[in-house]
């Protein structure tokens, strides 16, 4: 599991392109590991998104 593969899978998961299970497979980890990694990539509370 690399941060790049998890980031890619997370992007696809958030776009609802992949299911949680599929995203974990793409990320090369279990669904539990993917969920844990997804939390690490989540924006900090109060952080504005870049969608202008």
C-alpha atoms as a PDB file:
ATOM      1  CA  UNK A   1       0.000   0.000   0.000  1.00  0.00           C
ATOM      2  CA  UNK A   2       1.514   3.297  -1.080  1.00  0.00           C
ATOM      3  CA  UNK A   3       0.215   6.737  -0.269  1.00  0.00           C
ATOM      4  CA  UNK A   4      -0.212   7.398  -3.994  1.00  0.00           C
ATOM      5  CA  UNK A   5      -2.377   4.318  -4.544  1.00  0.00           C
ATOM      6  CA  UNK A   6      -4.436   5.104  -1.448  1.00  0.00           C
ATOM      7  CA  UNK A   7      -4.858   8.730  -2.537  1.00  0.00           C
ATOM      8  CA  UNK A   8      -6.001   7.618  -5.983  1.00  0.00           C
ATOM      9  CA  UNK A   9      -8.408   5.084  -4.516  1.00  0.00           C
ATOM     10  CA  UNK A  10      -9.696   7.658  -2.045  1.00  0.00           C
ATOM     11  CA  UNK A  11     -10.370  10.146  -4.831  1.00  0.00           C
ATOM     12  CA  UNK A  12     -12.305   7.532  -6.778  1.00  0.00           C
ATOM     13  CA  UNK A  13     -14.178   6.416  -3.656  1.00  0.00           C
ATOM     14  CA  UNK A  14     -15.197   9.983  -2.774  1.00  0.00           C
ATOM     15  CA  UNK A  15     -16.354  10.518  -6.366  1.00  0.00           C
ATOM     16  CA  UNK A  16     -18.505   7.394  -5.894  1.00  0.00           C
ATOM     17  CA  UNK A  17     -16.725   5.706  -8.778  1.00  0.00           C
ATOM     18  CA  UNK A  18     -15.567   2.831  -6.553  1.00  0.00           C
ATOM     19  CA  UNK A  19     -17.137   1.030  -3.634  1.00  0.00           C
ATOM     20  CA  UNK A  20     -15.259   0.835  -0.353  1.00  0.00           C
ATOM     21  CA  UNK A  21     -14.191  -2.722  -1.152  1.00  0.00           C
ATOM     22  CA  UNK A  22     -13.013  -1.805  -4.637  1.00  0.00           C
ATOM     23  CA  UNK A  23     -11.098   1.206  -3.344  1.00  0.00           C
ATOM     24  CA  UNK A  24      -9.365  -0.969  -0.747  1.00  0.00           C
ATOM     25  CA  UNK A  25      -8.375  -3.417  -3.488  1.00  0.00           C
ATOM     26  CA  UNK A  26      -6.967  -0.589  -5.640  1.00  0.00           C
ATOM     27  CA  UNK A  27      -5.137   0.756  -2.586  1.00  0.00           C
ATOM     28  CA  UNK A  28      -3.723  -2.696  -1.929  1.00  0.00           C
ATOM     29  CA  UNK A  29      -5.096  -3.039   1.582  1.00  0.00           C
ATOM     30  CA  UNK A  30      -8.047  -4.275   3.602  1.00  0.00           C
ATOM     31  CA  UNK A  31     -11.191  -2.174   3.949  1.00  0.00           C
ATOM     32  CA  UNK A  32     -10.263  -1.450   7.578  1.00  0.00           C
ATOM     33  CA  UNK A  33      -6.791  -0.256   6.559  1.00  0.00           C
ATOM     34  CA  UNK A  34      -8.290   1.835   3.763  1.00  0.00           C
ATOM     35  CA  UNK A  35     -10.737   3.507   6.137  1.00  0.00           C
ATOM     36  CA  UNK A  36      -7.906   4.248   8.548  1.00  0.00           C
ATOM     37  CA  UNK A  37      -5.773   5.695   5.746  1.00  0.00           C
ATOM     38  CA  UNK A  38      -8.721   7.696   4.421  1.00  0.00           C
ATOM     39  CA  UNK A  39      -8.970   9.453   7.763  1.00  0.00           C
ATOM     40  CA  UNK A  40      -5.329  10.484   7.459  1.00  0.00           C
ATOM     41  CA  UNK A  41      -6.075  12.054   4.050  1.00  0.00           C
ATOM     42  CA  UNK A  42      -9.230  13.834   5.250  1.00  0.00           C
ATOM     43  CA  UNK A  43      -9.026  17.615   5.398  1.00  0.00           C
ATOM     44  CA  UNK A  44      -8.559  19.097   8.838  1.00  0.00           C
ATOM     45  CA  UNK A  45     -11.694  20.545  10.459  1.00  0.00           C
ATOM     46  CA  UNK A  46     -12.239  24.127   9.312  1.00  0.00           C
ATOM     47  CA  UNK A  47      -9.981  23.690   6.293  1.00  0.00           C
ATOM     48  CA  UNK A  48     -11.546  25.231   3.176  1.00  0.00           C
ATOM     49  CA  UNK A  49     -11.773  23.194   0.000  1.00  0.00           C
ATOM     50  CA  UNK A  50     -10.013  24.337  -3.174  1.00  0.00           C
ATOM     51  CA  UNK A  51     -13.263  24.275  -5.207  1.00  0.00           C
ATOM     52  CA  UNK A  52     -13.638  27.908  -6.251  1.00  0.00           C
END
